[in-house]
N, C-alpha and C. Protein backbone atom coordinates (compact mmCIF):
# COMPACT_ATOMS: atom_id res chain seq x y z
N UNK A 1 91.44 109.43 70.61
CA UNK A 1 91.65 108.89 71.96
C UNK A 1 90.54 109.42 72.86
N UNK A 2 89.58 108.55 73.20
CA UNK A 2 88.44 108.98 73.99
C UNK A 2 88.76 109.14 75.47
N UNK A 3 89.93 108.74 75.88
CA UNK A 3 90.32 108.88 77.29
C UNK A 3 90.42 110.34 77.71
N UNK A 4 90.85 111.22 76.80
CA UNK A 4 90.92 112.66 77.11
C UNK A 4 89.52 113.17 77.42
N UNK A 5 88.55 112.77 76.62
CA UNK A 5 87.16 113.19 76.86
C UNK A 5 86.65 112.65 78.19
N UNK A 6 87.04 111.44 78.53
CA UNK A 6 86.62 110.85 79.80
C UNK A 6 87.20 111.65 80.96
N UNK A 7 88.48 112.00 80.90
CA UNK A 7 89.11 112.78 81.97
C UNK A 7 88.44 114.14 82.09
N UNK A 8 88.17 114.80 80.98
CA UNK A 8 87.48 116.09 81.02
C UNK A 8 86.09 115.94 81.63
N UNK A 9 85.39 114.86 81.30
CA UNK A 9 84.06 114.61 81.88
C UNK A 9 84.14 114.37 83.39
N UNK A 10 85.18 113.68 83.82
CA UNK A 10 85.36 113.45 85.26
C UNK A 10 85.49 114.80 85.98
N UNK A 11 86.33 115.67 85.46
CA UNK A 11 86.52 116.97 86.10
C UNK A 11 85.26 117.83 86.01
N UNK A 12 84.55 117.75 84.91
CA UNK A 12 83.30 118.50 84.78
C UNK A 12 82.26 118.01 85.80
N UNK A 13 82.19 116.71 85.96
CA UNK A 13 81.27 116.12 86.95
C UNK A 13 81.64 116.57 88.36
N UNK A 14 82.92 116.57 88.68
CA UNK A 14 83.37 116.98 90.01
C UNK A 14 83.13 118.47 90.24
N UNK A 15 83.30 119.26 89.21
CA UNK A 15 83.04 120.70 89.33
C UNK A 15 81.56 120.95 89.63
N UNK A 16 80.69 120.19 88.99
CA UNK A 16 79.24 120.34 89.23
C UNK A 16 78.86 119.82 90.62
N UNK A 17 79.48 118.74 91.04
CA UNK A 17 79.14 118.13 92.33
C UNK A 17 79.71 118.90 93.51
N UNK A 18 80.88 119.51 93.34
CA UNK A 18 81.57 120.19 94.43
C UNK A 18 82.02 121.59 94.01
N UNK A 19 81.09 122.48 93.69
CA UNK A 19 81.49 123.80 93.18
C UNK A 19 82.33 124.62 94.16
N UNK A 20 82.10 124.46 95.44
CA UNK A 20 82.82 125.25 96.44
C UNK A 20 84.23 124.74 96.72
N UNK A 21 84.44 123.44 96.59
CA UNK A 21 85.73 122.84 96.95
C UNK A 21 86.43 122.18 95.76
N UNK A 22 85.91 122.40 94.58
CA UNK A 22 86.41 121.77 93.35
C UNK A 22 87.92 121.93 93.17
N UNK A 23 88.42 123.10 93.43
CA UNK A 23 89.85 123.35 93.20
C UNK A 23 90.75 122.79 94.30
N UNK A 24 90.16 122.19 95.32
CA UNK A 24 90.93 121.61 96.43
C UNK A 24 90.99 120.09 96.36
N UNK A 25 90.76 119.52 95.20
CA UNK A 25 90.79 118.07 95.05
C UNK A 25 92.23 117.58 95.15
N UNK A 26 92.46 116.64 96.05
CA UNK A 26 93.80 116.07 96.21
C UNK A 26 93.93 114.73 95.50
N UNK A 27 92.85 113.94 95.50
CA UNK A 27 92.92 112.60 94.91
C UNK A 27 91.55 112.19 94.38
N UNK A 28 91.57 111.55 93.23
CA UNK A 28 90.36 111.02 92.61
C UNK A 28 90.58 109.52 92.40
N UNK A 29 89.64 108.72 92.83
CA UNK A 29 89.69 107.29 92.57
C UNK A 29 88.54 106.94 91.65
N UNK A 30 88.85 106.24 90.58
CA UNK A 30 87.80 105.77 89.70
C UNK A 30 87.84 104.25 89.63
N UNK A 31 86.68 103.67 89.45
CA UNK A 31 86.56 102.22 89.26
C UNK A 31 86.23 101.97 87.80
N UNK A 32 86.98 101.08 87.19
CA UNK A 32 86.81 100.77 85.78
C UNK A 32 86.64 99.27 85.62
N UNK A 33 85.49 98.87 85.12
CA UNK A 33 85.25 97.46 84.84
C UNK A 33 86.07 97.02 83.63
N UNK A 34 86.43 95.76 83.61
CA UNK A 34 87.26 95.24 82.53
C UNK A 34 86.56 95.30 81.17
N UNK A 35 85.24 95.45 81.16
CA UNK A 35 84.50 95.53 79.89
C UNK A 35 84.15 96.96 79.50
N UNK A 36 84.61 97.96 80.23
CA UNK A 36 84.20 99.34 79.97
C UNK A 36 84.96 99.98 78.82
N UNK A 37 85.87 99.25 78.21
CA UNK A 37 86.60 99.74 77.03
C UNK A 37 87.51 100.92 77.36
N UNK A 38 88.12 100.87 78.53
CA UNK A 38 89.07 101.91 78.95
C UNK A 38 90.36 101.23 79.39
N UNK A 39 91.46 101.73 78.88
CA UNK A 39 92.76 101.21 79.27
C UNK A 39 93.32 102.10 80.38
N UNK A 40 93.62 101.54 81.54
CA UNK A 40 94.12 102.36 82.66
C UNK A 40 95.33 103.21 82.31
N UNK A 41 96.28 102.69 81.55
CA UNK A 41 97.47 103.47 81.22
C UNK A 41 97.11 104.66 80.34
N UNK A 42 96.13 104.49 79.46
CA UNK A 42 95.70 105.60 78.60
C UNK A 42 94.94 106.65 79.39
N UNK A 43 94.14 106.22 80.38
CA UNK A 43 93.45 107.17 81.26
C UNK A 43 94.49 107.95 82.07
N UNK A 44 95.49 107.25 82.58
CA UNK A 44 96.54 107.91 83.36
C UNK A 44 97.29 108.93 82.50
N UNK A 45 97.61 108.55 81.28
CA UNK A 45 98.30 109.47 80.38
C UNK A 45 97.43 110.69 80.05
N UNK A 46 96.14 110.45 79.81
CA UNK A 46 95.21 111.55 79.52
C UNK A 46 95.08 112.47 80.74
N UNK A 47 95.06 111.88 81.93
CA UNK A 47 94.98 112.65 83.17
C UNK A 47 96.22 113.54 83.31
N UNK A 48 97.38 112.97 83.07
CA UNK A 48 98.63 113.74 83.19
C UNK A 48 98.68 114.87 82.17
N UNK A 49 98.18 114.64 80.97
CA UNK A 49 98.12 115.70 79.96
C UNK A 49 97.15 116.80 80.39
N UNK A 50 96.02 116.40 80.97
CA UNK A 50 95.02 117.36 81.42
C UNK A 50 95.58 118.26 82.51
N UNK A 51 96.25 117.68 83.51
CA UNK A 51 96.74 118.49 84.62
C UNK A 51 97.93 119.35 84.23
N UNK A 52 98.60 119.02 83.14
CA UNK A 52 99.64 119.92 82.64
C UNK A 52 99.03 121.22 82.13
N UNK A 53 97.86 121.11 81.51
CA UNK A 53 97.17 122.30 81.02
C UNK A 53 96.44 123.02 82.15
N UNK A 54 95.84 122.26 83.03
CA UNK A 54 95.10 122.82 84.17
C UNK A 54 96.03 122.79 85.37
N UNK A 55 96.91 123.78 85.45
CA UNK A 55 97.99 123.76 86.46
C UNK A 55 97.47 123.72 87.89
N UNK A 56 96.26 124.18 88.13
CA UNK A 56 95.72 124.14 89.50
C UNK A 56 95.52 122.72 90.01
N UNK A 57 95.56 121.74 89.11
CA UNK A 57 95.37 120.34 89.49
C UNK A 57 96.66 119.52 89.40
N UNK A 58 97.80 120.20 89.30
CA UNK A 58 99.07 119.47 89.17
C UNK A 58 99.37 118.55 90.35
N UNK A 59 98.87 118.90 91.51
CA UNK A 59 99.11 118.09 92.71
C UNK A 59 98.04 117.02 92.91
N UNK A 60 97.06 116.99 92.05
CA UNK A 60 95.97 116.02 92.17
C UNK A 60 96.44 114.65 91.70
N UNK A 61 96.05 113.64 92.44
CA UNK A 61 96.44 112.27 92.14
C UNK A 61 95.25 111.50 91.59
N UNK A 62 95.50 110.58 90.68
CA UNK A 62 94.47 109.72 90.12
C UNK A 62 94.81 108.28 90.45
N UNK A 63 93.82 107.57 90.97
CA UNK A 63 93.97 106.14 91.22
C UNK A 63 92.88 105.43 90.44
N UNK A 64 93.27 104.36 89.76
CA UNK A 64 92.32 103.58 88.96
C UNK A 64 92.25 102.18 89.53
N UNK A 65 91.04 101.76 89.92
CA UNK A 65 90.83 100.41 90.42
C UNK A 65 90.10 99.62 89.35
N UNK A 66 90.72 98.53 88.92
CA UNK A 66 90.09 97.66 87.93
C UNK A 66 89.14 96.69 88.61
N UNK A 67 87.94 96.60 88.05
CA UNK A 67 86.93 95.69 88.59
C UNK A 67 86.82 94.47 87.69
N UNK A 68 86.80 93.28 88.29
CA UNK A 68 86.67 92.07 87.47
C UNK A 68 85.26 91.96 86.88
N UNK A 69 85.13 91.09 85.92
CA UNK A 69 83.82 90.83 85.32
C UNK A 69 83.12 89.79 86.19
N UNK A 70 81.93 90.14 86.65
CA UNK A 70 81.11 89.22 87.44
C UNK A 70 79.82 88.98 86.67
N UNK A 71 79.47 87.73 86.52
CA UNK A 71 78.23 87.37 85.82
C UNK A 71 77.32 86.60 86.77
N UNK A 72 76.04 86.50 86.38
CA UNK A 72 75.05 85.79 87.18
C UNK A 72 74.58 84.57 86.40
N UNK A 73 74.49 83.46 87.08
CA UNK A 73 74.03 82.21 86.48
C UNK A 73 72.59 81.96 86.90
N UNK A 74 71.68 81.91 85.93
CA UNK A 74 70.26 81.64 86.23
C UNK A 74 70.07 80.19 86.67
N UNK A 75 70.89 79.31 86.17
CA UNK A 75 70.74 77.88 86.47
C UNK A 75 70.95 77.58 87.95
N UNK A 76 72.06 78.05 88.50
CA UNK A 76 72.36 77.74 89.91
C UNK A 76 72.22 78.98 90.82
N UNK A 77 71.74 80.08 90.25
CA UNK A 77 71.49 81.35 90.96
C UNK A 77 72.70 81.86 91.74
N UNK A 78 73.86 81.74 91.15
CA UNK A 78 75.06 82.26 91.81
C UNK A 78 75.77 83.23 90.89
N UNK A 79 76.64 84.01 91.48
CA UNK A 79 77.48 84.92 90.73
C UNK A 79 78.87 84.30 90.60
N UNK A 80 79.51 84.57 89.48
CA UNK A 80 80.84 84.01 89.28
C UNK A 80 81.71 85.01 88.53
N UNK A 81 83.01 84.93 88.76
CA UNK A 81 83.95 85.79 88.07
C UNK A 81 84.28 85.19 86.70
N UNK A 82 84.19 86.02 85.69
CA UNK A 82 84.52 85.60 84.33
C UNK A 82 86.04 85.66 84.18
N UNK A 83 86.61 84.57 83.82
CA UNK A 83 88.06 84.50 83.63
C UNK A 83 88.37 84.03 82.22
N UNK A 84 89.38 84.63 81.65
CA UNK A 84 89.83 84.27 80.30
C UNK A 84 88.69 84.37 79.28
N UNK A 85 87.80 85.34 79.48
CA UNK A 85 86.68 85.63 78.58
C UNK A 85 85.71 84.45 78.43
N UNK A 86 85.65 83.58 79.44
CA UNK A 86 84.72 82.45 79.41
C UNK A 86 83.56 82.77 80.34
N UNK A 87 82.43 83.03 79.74
CA UNK A 87 81.23 83.37 80.48
C UNK A 87 80.47 82.09 80.83
N UNK A 88 81.15 81.18 81.51
CA UNK A 88 80.58 79.90 81.88
C UNK A 88 80.74 79.72 83.38
N UNK A 89 79.62 79.43 84.02
CA UNK A 89 79.59 79.24 85.48
C UNK A 89 80.30 77.94 85.86
N UNK A 90 80.62 77.81 87.14
CA UNK A 90 81.24 76.57 87.62
C UNK A 90 80.30 75.38 87.46
N UNK A 91 78.99 75.65 87.36
CA UNK A 91 78.03 74.56 87.14
C UNK A 91 77.98 74.12 85.68
N UNK A 92 78.70 74.85 84.81
CA UNK A 92 78.79 74.47 83.41
C UNK A 92 77.86 75.22 82.47
N UNK A 93 76.99 76.07 83.02
CA UNK A 93 76.05 76.80 82.19
C UNK A 93 76.63 78.14 81.74
N UNK A 94 76.43 78.48 80.46
CA UNK A 94 76.86 79.79 79.99
C UNK A 94 75.91 80.87 80.50
N UNK A 95 76.43 82.10 80.59
CA UNK A 95 75.60 83.21 81.06
C UNK A 95 75.99 84.48 80.33
N UNK A 96 74.98 85.28 80.04
CA UNK A 96 75.23 86.59 79.44
C UNK A 96 74.75 87.72 80.35
N UNK A 97 74.45 87.40 81.59
CA UNK A 97 73.97 88.40 82.54
C UNK A 97 75.14 88.95 83.35
N UNK A 98 75.60 90.12 82.95
CA UNK A 98 76.75 90.75 83.59
C UNK A 98 76.27 91.57 84.78
N UNK A 99 76.86 91.31 85.93
CA UNK A 99 76.54 92.01 87.17
C UNK A 99 77.52 93.17 87.39
N UNK A 100 78.76 92.95 87.04
CA UNK A 100 79.82 93.93 87.23
C UNK A 100 80.84 93.79 86.11
N UNK A 101 81.43 94.91 85.72
CA UNK A 101 82.50 94.86 84.74
C UNK A 101 82.35 95.86 83.62
N UNK A 102 81.17 96.49 83.50
CA UNK A 102 80.96 97.45 82.44
C UNK A 102 81.02 98.90 82.93
N UNK A 103 81.14 99.10 84.23
CA UNK A 103 81.05 100.44 84.80
C UNK A 103 82.35 101.22 84.72
N UNK A 104 82.19 102.51 84.72
CA UNK A 104 83.29 103.46 84.86
C UNK A 104 82.73 104.57 85.73
N UNK A 105 83.20 104.65 86.97
CA UNK A 105 82.62 105.62 87.89
C UNK A 105 83.66 106.20 88.85
N UNK A 106 83.34 107.38 89.31
CA UNK A 106 84.15 108.02 90.34
C UNK A 106 83.73 107.39 91.67
N UNK A 107 84.64 106.75 92.34
CA UNK A 107 84.28 106.07 93.59
C UNK A 107 84.70 106.84 94.83
N UNK A 108 85.70 107.73 94.70
CA UNK A 108 86.15 108.48 95.87
C UNK A 108 86.82 109.78 95.43
N UNK A 109 86.55 110.81 96.19
CA UNK A 109 87.21 112.11 95.99
C UNK A 109 87.73 112.57 97.34
N UNK A 110 89.01 112.87 97.40
CA UNK A 110 89.63 113.35 98.64
C UNK A 110 90.07 114.79 98.40
N UNK A 111 89.77 115.65 99.37
CA UNK A 111 90.11 117.06 99.25
C UNK A 111 91.27 117.41 100.16
N UNK A 112 92.01 118.44 99.77
CA UNK A 112 93.09 118.97 100.61
C UNK A 112 92.45 119.59 101.86
N UNK A 113 93.22 119.64 102.92
CA UNK A 113 92.73 120.24 104.16
C UNK A 113 92.41 121.69 104.00
């Protein structure tokens, strides 16, 4: 289950970015694209397992925002949302140029007062 490794990496990244206030994290928001190969429920479960071991983070909350797949059409130069795994623009042209949907990133960190 690679979600445990992802959660550990999130906390390691936050510790490096905020060494002075790391232990005062109240909420973490991550953005996960639909193509990033991460299941939100599994990330949530891995997060809950992590904070059980790291008791200083028991009050920390995790929010996961799913990002839709957005592709770019060279034919009509527009972006479109991929639905039902059909990478076809409204103009009828297929596209393999993904603009959004593969990312997994920390988008917000809120600290306790």
